Protein backbone atom coordinates (compact mmCIF):
# COMPACT_ATOMS: atom_id res chain seq x y z
CA MET A 1 0.18 0.26 0.23
CA ALA A 2 3.08 2.28 -0.47
CA SER A 3 1.96 4.17 -3.15
CA LEU A 4 -1.41 5.11 -1.53
CA VAL A 5 -0.17 6.25 1.20
CA ASP A 6 2.08 8.26 -1.17
CA ASN A 7 -0.75 9.78 -3.12
CA PHE A 8 -2.57 10.89 0.25
CA ARG A 9 0.79 12.66 1.66
CA ARG A 10 0.45 14.55 -1.77
CA ILE A 11 -3.12 15.63 -0.79
CA LEU A 12 -1.97 19.12 -0.27
CA ALA A 13 -2.00 21.57 -3.18
CA ARG A 14 0.62 24.22 -2.98
CA ARG A 15 0.30 27.46 -4.62
CA PHE A 16 0.34 27.50 -8.23
CA PHE A 17 -0.02 29.04 -11.20
CA LEU A 18 -1.04 27.94 -15.04
CA ARG A 19 1.93 26.96 -16.88
CA SER A 20 2.36 27.92 -20.25
CA GLN A 21 3.53 24.32 -21.39
CA SER A 22 0.46 21.87 -23.02
CA VAL A 23 -0.16 19.12 -20.68
CA GLU A 24 -2.71 16.07 -21.73
CA CYS A 25 -6.02 16.48 -20.31
CA SER A 26 -7.01 16.17 -16.19
CA ILE A 27 -10.18 14.80 -14.50
CA GLY A 28 -11.33 15.69 -11.69
CA VAL A 29 -13.93 13.39 -9.81
CA ASP A 30 -15.75 15.20 -6.94
CA LEU A 31 -17.06 12.03 -4.23
CA GLY A 32 -19.89 13.94 -2.47
CA SER A 33 -22.56 12.87 -0.70
CA ALA A 34 -25.55 12.93 -3.17
CA PHE A 35 -24.00 13.13 -6.04
CA THR A 36 -20.47 12.11 -7.68
CA LYS A 37 -19.37 14.86 -9.91
CA PHE A 38 -16.45 15.38 -12.21
CA VAL A 39 -15.11 17.50 -14.95
CA ILE A 40 -12.30 16.94 -17.81
CA LEU A 41 -10.05 19.88 -18.61
CA GLN A 42 -7.80 20.15 -21.20
CA ARG A 43 -5.06 22.96 -20.85
CA LYS A 44 -3.44 24.77 -23.98
CA GLY A 45 -0.90 27.31 -23.42
CA PRO A 46 -1.94 29.41 -20.84
CA LYS A 47 -5.54 28.46 -21.25
CA VAL A 48 -7.81 26.14 -19.21
CA MET A 49 -10.94 24.44 -21.79
CA LEU A 50 -13.79 22.22 -20.29
CA ARG A 51 -13.84 19.15 -22.28
CA ASN A 52 -16.61 17.28 -20.77
CA TRP A 53 -18.49 16.69 -17.64
CA GLY A 54 -20.78 14.59 -15.82
CA MET A 55 -23.08 14.20 -12.28
CA GLU A 56 -24.84 11.01 -11.06
CA PRO A 57 -26.46 10.21 -8.20
CA ILE A 58 -25.08 8.71 -5.80
CA LEU A 59 -26.72 4.75 -3.80
CA GLN A 60 -28.16 6.82 -0.84
CA HIS A 61 -28.88 3.00 0.30
CA PHE A 62 -25.18 2.50 1.05
CA GLU A 63 -23.62 1.36 4.41
CA LYS A 64 -20.15 1.42 5.71
CA GLU A 65 -20.48 -2.30 6.02
CA GLN A 66 -20.49 -2.77 2.07
CA VAL A 67 -16.61 -1.89 1.42
CA THR A 68 -15.89 -4.96 2.88
CA HIS A 69 -17.16 -6.86 0.39
CA GLY A 70 -16.31 -4.49 -2.18
CA GLN A 71 -18.98 -3.19 -3.37
CA SER A 72 -19.34 0.15 -4.83
CA ALA A 73 -21.21 3.27 -3.80
CA PHE A 74 -19.96 5.46 -6.27
CA PRO A 75 -21.43 5.59 -9.82
CA LEU A 76 -18.77 5.59 -12.21
CA LYS A 77 -20.58 4.61 -15.58
CA SER A 78 -20.34 8.12 -16.91
CA LEU A 79 -17.22 8.50 -16.27
CA HIS A 80 -16.06 5.14 -17.91
CA VAL A 81 -17.81 6.18 -20.98
CA CYS A 82 -15.83 9.31 -21.53
CA TRP A 83 -12.49 8.11 -20.34
CA GLU A 84 -13.03 5.25 -23.52
CA ASN A 85 -11.44 7.82 -25.41
CA LYS A 86 -7.70 7.41 -25.63
CA GLU A 87 -6.45 10.43 -25.23
CA ILE A 88 -8.39 10.76 -22.15
CA HIS A 89 -7.77 7.59 -20.64
CA LYS A 90 -3.92 8.41 -20.54
CA SER A 91 -5.13 11.63 -18.00
CA SER A 92 -4.14 12.43 -14.77
CA LEU A 93 -7.13 11.11 -12.75
CA GLY A 94 -7.84 13.39 -9.04
CA VAL A 95 -10.75 12.48 -6.92
CA SER A 96 -11.47 14.40 -3.64
CA VAL A 97 -13.08 12.79 -0.48
CA SER A 98 -15.07 14.38 1.74
CA GLY A 99 -17.65 13.88 5.21
CA PRO A 100 -17.36 11.69 8.39
CA ARG A 101 -14.99 9.57 6.91
CA VAL A 102 -12.46 12.97 6.56
CA MET A 103 -11.02 14.86 9.45
CA ILE A 104 -9.42 18.39 9.02
CA LYS A 105 -8.11 19.76 12.77
CA ARG A 106 -6.56 22.62 13.37
CA LEU A 107 -3.25 22.60 15.58
CA GLU A 108 -0.29 24.36 17.07
CA PHE A 109 2.62 23.69 18.26
CA PRO A 110 5.57 26.03 19.37
CA THR A 111 8.03 27.50 16.69
CA MET A 112 9.04 24.17 14.66
CA GLY A 113 9.42 23.45 11.35
CA GLU A 114 7.70 21.09 8.91
CA GLU A 115 10.29 18.02 9.46
CA ASP A 116 9.74 18.50 13.20
CA ILE A 117 5.73 18.80 13.05
CA ARG A 118 5.23 15.28 11.12
CA GLU A 119 7.69 13.31 13.36
CA HIS A 120 5.75 14.80 16.08
CA LEU A 121 2.50 13.55 14.95
CA LYS A 122 3.84 10.68 13.47
CA TRP A 123 4.42 9.19 17.32
CA GLU A 124 1.15 11.17 18.78
CA LEU A 125 -0.99 10.92 16.07
CA ASP A 126 -3.81 8.97 18.76
CA ARG A 127 -3.76 12.32 20.66
CA TYR A 128 -5.28 14.52 18.04
CA ILE A 129 -7.92 12.12 16.46
CA SER A 130 -10.82 10.05 17.84
CA PRO A 131 -10.42 5.73 18.45
CA GLU A 132 -13.57 5.68 16.01
CA MET A 133 -11.44 6.40 12.95
CA GLY A 134 -9.49 3.42 12.87
CA GLU A 135 -6.54 2.96 10.46
CA VAL A 136 -6.36 5.85 8.91
CA LEU A 137 -3.99 7.79 6.33
CA TRP A 138 -2.78 11.19 7.32
CA ASP A 139 -0.85 14.69 6.12
CA VAL A 140 -0.37 17.77 7.36
CA HIS A 141 -0.16 20.87 5.96
CA LEU A 142 2.00 24.51 6.92
CA SER A 143 1.12 27.60 4.81
CA SER A 144 3.97 29.20 3.21
CA SER A 145 3.23 32.50 3.42
CA VAL A 146 2.19 34.26 6.97
CA PRO A 147 -0.33 37.24 7.83
CA SER A 148 2.44 40.28 9.26
CA ASN A 149 0.01 40.28 12.52
CA ILE A 150 0.19 36.64 13.47
CA SER A 151 1.55 34.92 16.33
CA ASN A 152 4.97 33.24 16.63
CA LYS A 153 3.46 30.21 17.26
CA THR A 154 3.49 27.74 14.22
CA ASP A 155 -0.03 26.65 13.04
CA ALA A 156 -0.84 23.43 10.99
CA LEU A 157 -3.82 22.28 9.45
CA LEU A 158 -3.67 18.13 10.15
CA VAL A 159 -6.12 16.45 7.52
CA VAL A 160 -6.88 12.41 8.56
CA GLY A 161 -8.99 9.76 5.98
CA GLN A 162 -9.84 6.38 6.25
CA LYS A 163 -7.52 4.07 5.46
CA PRO A 164 -10.04 1.27 4.34
CA TRP A 165 -12.68 3.76 3.30
CA ILE A 166 -9.75 5.35 0.93
CA GLU A 167 -8.78 1.84 -0.20
CA SER A 168 -12.37 1.11 -1.37
CA ILE A 169 -12.33 4.10 -3.51
CA THR A 170 -9.34 3.26 -5.05
CA SER A 171 -10.54 -0.32 -6.20
CA ASP A 172 -13.75 1.30 -7.57
CA PHE A 173 -11.73 2.63 -9.89
CA HIS A 174 -9.24 0.04 -10.76
CA GLN A 175 -12.84 -2.06 -11.65
CA TYR A 176 -12.78 0.31 -14.52
CA HIS A 177 -9.16 0.09 -15.31
CA ARG A 178 -8.15 3.50 -14.03
CA LYS A 179 -5.45 4.20 -11.62
CA ILE A 180 -5.98 7.20 -9.09
CA SER A 181 -2.86 9.59 -9.76
CA PHE A 182 -3.88 11.97 -5.97
CA VAL A 183 -6.23 12.17 -3.44
CA ASP A 184 -7.31 15.26 -2.43
CA VAL A 185 -10.05 16.85 -0.17
CA ASP A 186 -12.63 19.41 -0.60
CA ALA A 187 -11.41 22.32 1.21
CA PHE A 188 -8.21 21.99 -0.61
CA ALA A 189 -9.74 21.23 -4.14
CA LEU A 190 -12.04 24.64 -3.50
CA ALA A 191 -8.74 26.56 -2.61
CA ASN A 192 -7.39 25.50 -5.93
CA MET A 193 -10.79 26.61 -7.86
CA VAL A 194 -10.94 30.03 -6.25
CA MET A 195 -6.97 30.63 -6.71
CA VAL A 196 -7.53 30.09 -11.02
CA ASN A 197 -10.37 32.04 -11.27
CA TYR A 198 -9.78 35.02 -9.12
CA ASP A 199 -7.18 36.79 -7.62
CA ALA A 200 -5.13 34.58 -4.99
CA GLU A 201 -3.73 37.74 -2.84
CA GLU A 202 -6.77 38.89 -1.49
CA MET A 203 -8.60 37.27 1.71
CA ARG A 204 -11.59 35.14 1.19
CA LEU A 205 -13.90 33.27 3.60
CA LEU A 206 -15.21 30.73 1.12
CA VAL A 207 -18.49 29.14 2.56
CA HIS A 208 -19.37 26.03 0.62
CA LEU A 209 -23.04 24.84 1.18
CA GLY A 210 -24.16 21.17 0.90
CA PRO A 211 -25.92 18.43 1.67
CA ASN A 212 -23.73 17.62 4.59
CA GLY A 213 -23.89 21.40 6.09
CA MET A 214 -21.31 23.95 5.80
CA LEU A 215 -17.88 24.04 4.97
CA LEU A 216 -16.28 27.27 6.01
CA VAL A 217 -12.63 27.88 4.19
CA LEU A 218 -10.61 30.87 5.26
CA LEU A 219 -8.44 31.30 2.16
CA TRP A 220 -5.46 33.85 2.61
CA LYS A 221 -2.57 34.36 -0.72
CA GLY A 222 -4.09 31.27 -2.71
CA GLU A 223 -3.75 28.99 0.54
CA VAL A 224 -6.09 27.26 3.18
CA TRP A 225 -5.16 29.04 6.29
CA SER A 226 -8.79 27.35 8.19
CA VAL A 227 -11.18 24.87 8.19
CA ARG A 228 -14.59 24.82 9.91
CA GLU A 229 -17.13 22.12 9.00
CA VAL A 230 -20.43 22.55 10.56
CA PRO A 231 -23.71 20.08 10.04
CA PHE A 232 -27.10 21.62 9.75
CA SER A 233 -29.56 22.12 12.83
CA VAL A 234 -31.94 20.34 10.59
CA GLU A 235 -32.39 17.70 7.46
CA TRP A 236 -35.04 19.68 5.53
CA TYR A 237 -33.33 22.05 3.99
CA GLY A 238 -32.18 20.35 0.99
CA ASP A 239 -36.11 19.78 0.45
CA LEU A 240 -36.35 23.48 0.73
CA VAL A 241 -33.45 24.42 -1.59
CA GLU A 242 -34.74 22.00 -4.12
CA GLN A 243 -38.37 23.77 -3.95
CA MET A 244 -36.97 27.16 -4.49
CA ARG A 245 -34.37 26.18 -6.99
CA ASN A 246 -37.00 24.24 -9.24
CA VAL A 247 -39.71 27.39 -9.21
CA GLN A 248 -36.72 30.17 -10.18
CA ARG A 249 -36.11 27.34 -13.00
CA GLN A 250 -40.09 27.47 -13.96
CA TYR A 251 -40.92 30.97 -13.18
CA PRO A 252 -37.55 33.09 -13.10
CA ASP A 253 -40.27 36.01 -12.22
CA GLU A 254 -42.02 34.67 -9.27
CA TYR A 255 -41.25 35.51 -6.00
CA PRO A 256 -41.16 33.00 -3.38
CA SER A 257 -44.51 32.04 -2.15
CA ALA A 258 -45.39 33.42 2.09
CA SER A 259 -44.96 29.67 3.38
CA VAL A 260 -41.73 29.32 1.62
CA GLN A 261 -40.50 32.24 2.81
CA ILE A 262 -41.36 31.97 6.22
CA LEU A 263 -38.56 28.61 6.00
CA TRP A 264 -36.03 30.28 4.18
CA GLU A 265 -35.38 32.87 6.47
CA PRO A 266 -34.18 30.32 9.78
CA PHE A 267 -32.10 28.70 6.66
CA LEU A 268 -30.40 32.02 6.16
CA ASP A 269 -30.26 32.90 9.77
CA GLU A 270 -28.60 30.11 10.47
CA ILE A 271 -26.01 30.03 7.82
CA SER A 272 -25.42 34.14 8.72
CA GLU A 273 -24.53 32.83 12.42
CA GLN A 274 -21.89 30.70 11.53
CA ILE A 275 -20.19 32.98 9.15
CA ARG A 276 -20.14 35.43 12.07
CA ASP A 277 -18.66 32.96 14.88
CA ALA A 278 -15.87 31.97 11.54
CA ILE A 279 -15.17 35.54 11.01
CA SER A 280 -14.68 36.60 15.06
CA GLU A 281 -12.84 33.07 15.52
CA TYR A 282 -10.33 33.63 12.84
CA SER A 283 -10.00 37.68 14.14
CA SER A 284 -8.26 36.33 16.85
CA PHE A 285 -5.35 35.52 14.76
CA MET A 286 -6.24 37.38 11.68
CA ASN A 287 -6.53 40.81 10.74
CA PHE A 288 -9.78 40.93 8.87
CA SER A 289 -9.19 44.87 7.42
CA SER A 290 -8.12 42.69 4.85
CA LEU A 291 -11.20 40.43 4.12
CA ILE A 292 -13.01 41.07 0.94
CA ALA A 293 -15.64 38.85 0.73
CA VAL A 294 -17.74 36.10 1.42
CA VAL A 295 -17.79 33.67 -1.55
CA LEU A 296 -20.28 30.80 -1.58
CA SER A 297 -20.57 27.71 -3.29
CA GLY A 298 -22.07 23.98 -3.83
CA GLY A 299 -25.69 23.22 -4.48
CA TYR A 300 -27.34 24.48 -1.44
CA ALA A 301 -25.83 28.01 -2.54
CA ALA A 302 -27.38 27.98 -6.21
CA VAL A 303 -30.89 29.57 -5.03
CA GLY A 304 -31.23 32.89 -6.72
CA GLY A 305 -30.28 36.06 -4.24
CA MET A 306 -28.90 34.26 -1.83
CA ASP A 307 -25.53 36.10 -1.52
CA GLU A 308 -27.43 39.53 -1.85
CA LYS A 309 -29.78 38.15 1.28
CA LEU A 310 -26.81 36.81 3.00
CA SER A 311 -24.65 40.62 2.69
CA GLN A 312 -27.58 42.34 4.24
CA LYS A 313 -27.55 39.85 7.03
CA LEU A 314 -23.34 40.26 7.49
CA ARG A 315 -22.81 43.36 6.17
CA VAL A 316 -20.20 42.28 3.97
CA PRO A 317 -19.96 41.64 0.45
CA VAL A 318 -21.06 38.03 -0.65
CA ARG A 319 -20.66 36.98 -4.22
CA LEU A 320 -20.97 33.47 -5.62
CA LEU A 321 -18.76 31.76 -7.14
CA ASN A 322 -18.51 30.30 -10.86
CA PRO A 323 -15.94 27.56 -10.83
CA PHE A 324 -15.23 28.46 -14.63
CA ASN A 325 -14.85 32.03 -14.46
CA ARG A 326 -11.71 32.16 -15.76
CA ILE A 327 -12.16 28.65 -17.65
CA GLU A 328 -13.34 28.52 -21.71
CA VAL A 329 -16.35 26.65 -22.05
CA PRO A 330 -17.59 25.39 -25.16
CA VAL A 331 -20.55 26.98 -26.62
CA HIS A 332 -22.73 23.77 -26.85
CA ILE A 333 -21.64 23.49 -23.26
CA ALA A 334 -22.70 26.74 -22.01
CA GLN A 335 -25.75 26.68 -23.12
CA ASP A 336 -26.82 23.04 -22.06
CA PRO A 337 -29.44 23.44 -19.57
CA SER A 338 -28.08 20.49 -17.54
CA PHE A 339 -25.06 21.89 -17.01
CA LEU A 340 -25.92 25.83 -16.27
CA SER A 341 -28.09 23.97 -13.45
CA ALA A 342 -25.03 21.39 -12.44
CA LEU A 343 -22.58 24.54 -12.51
CA PRO A 344 -22.53 25.30 -8.54
CA LEU A 345 -22.17 22.20 -7.53
CA LEU A 346 -18.84 21.17 -9.64
CA GLY A 347 -16.64 23.60 -7.83
CA VAL A 348 -14.56 20.62 -6.00
CA ALA A 349 -14.09 18.75 -9.24
CA VAL A 350 -12.85 21.83 -11.06
CA GLY A 351 -10.56 22.36 -8.66
CA VAL A 352 -9.08 18.78 -8.31
CA ALA A 353 -9.04 19.18 -12.09
CA LEU A 354 -7.12 21.63 -11.82
CA ARG A 355 -4.57 20.41 -9.70
CA GLY A 356 -3.90 17.27 -11.43
CA GLY A 357 -2.76 19.58 -14.84
CA ARG A 358 -0.58 21.45 -13.04
CA GLU A 359 0.93 17.98 -11.89
CA ALA A 360 0.71 15.86 -15.40
């Protein structure tokens, strides 16, 4: 299993810029909680172009015990059809994982280097993770850029994933005769997506909204500085979001009914409260005068007008991210209603594919 460990230890992407050289296609796969999403990107010189994309629902009856029986929870048929193309078959394939089998924890150490931190974690890992995680693979991320007002202590992000689960994912892809080039996690994949599509030097609070809840990622100089994961307090938010999106698709000029608005306000209030708490926490070690915006991504952020509503509640700029802001999208895809509907869900897959193109 040495190769799998190596793949996971290359999980954290460093800051990068678009290269001018030509490389083959790169595939980014987001193994989400409700859908498996993928994008195939092609880079020609400094330009990046979307070549294909897809999305399939995940089996909702999947249980953890299925892993040991070699059963796959991840639908890969559409992706398999795409990579039957000889050129794409040879491309880089990256996968991003998330959910309860992945953990990101912020740690603080006395001033010390990455080698010393890794050695410490090698022997003391059990102090920082729950015994329920079982056998794990892990990595640690230290930022290469430090804001001027931060303390002299060394902050690190510990990233942990359940080893049997990650092994099961690699096995799923092997069934389709594909080898995973690297494993990523959503927070770092999203950072790659933001870094390429927007100015990397500025500080942003990324709020990724989906079925698992809220993923809040503080981005500074194109790097992940802190991560917070918060589950939603109720389970019916997904039905509410889907209902509102359906109404907006069918009747774009119609205002939501009074009953829907009554349900909508608690959802927005919960998101606003978590964003305020995150800003308050991060303000203790960062200078938030540099924060230019709160940015939204994920399927639960795709309701029209959410950015404006949250901006009013928070009194800070709130914007909805476009995963293809600086990526060329062919006309036949850009005009496809199914692509436009799925676009807010593709940010993680785009970030993984961008990393694959950089490492190819």
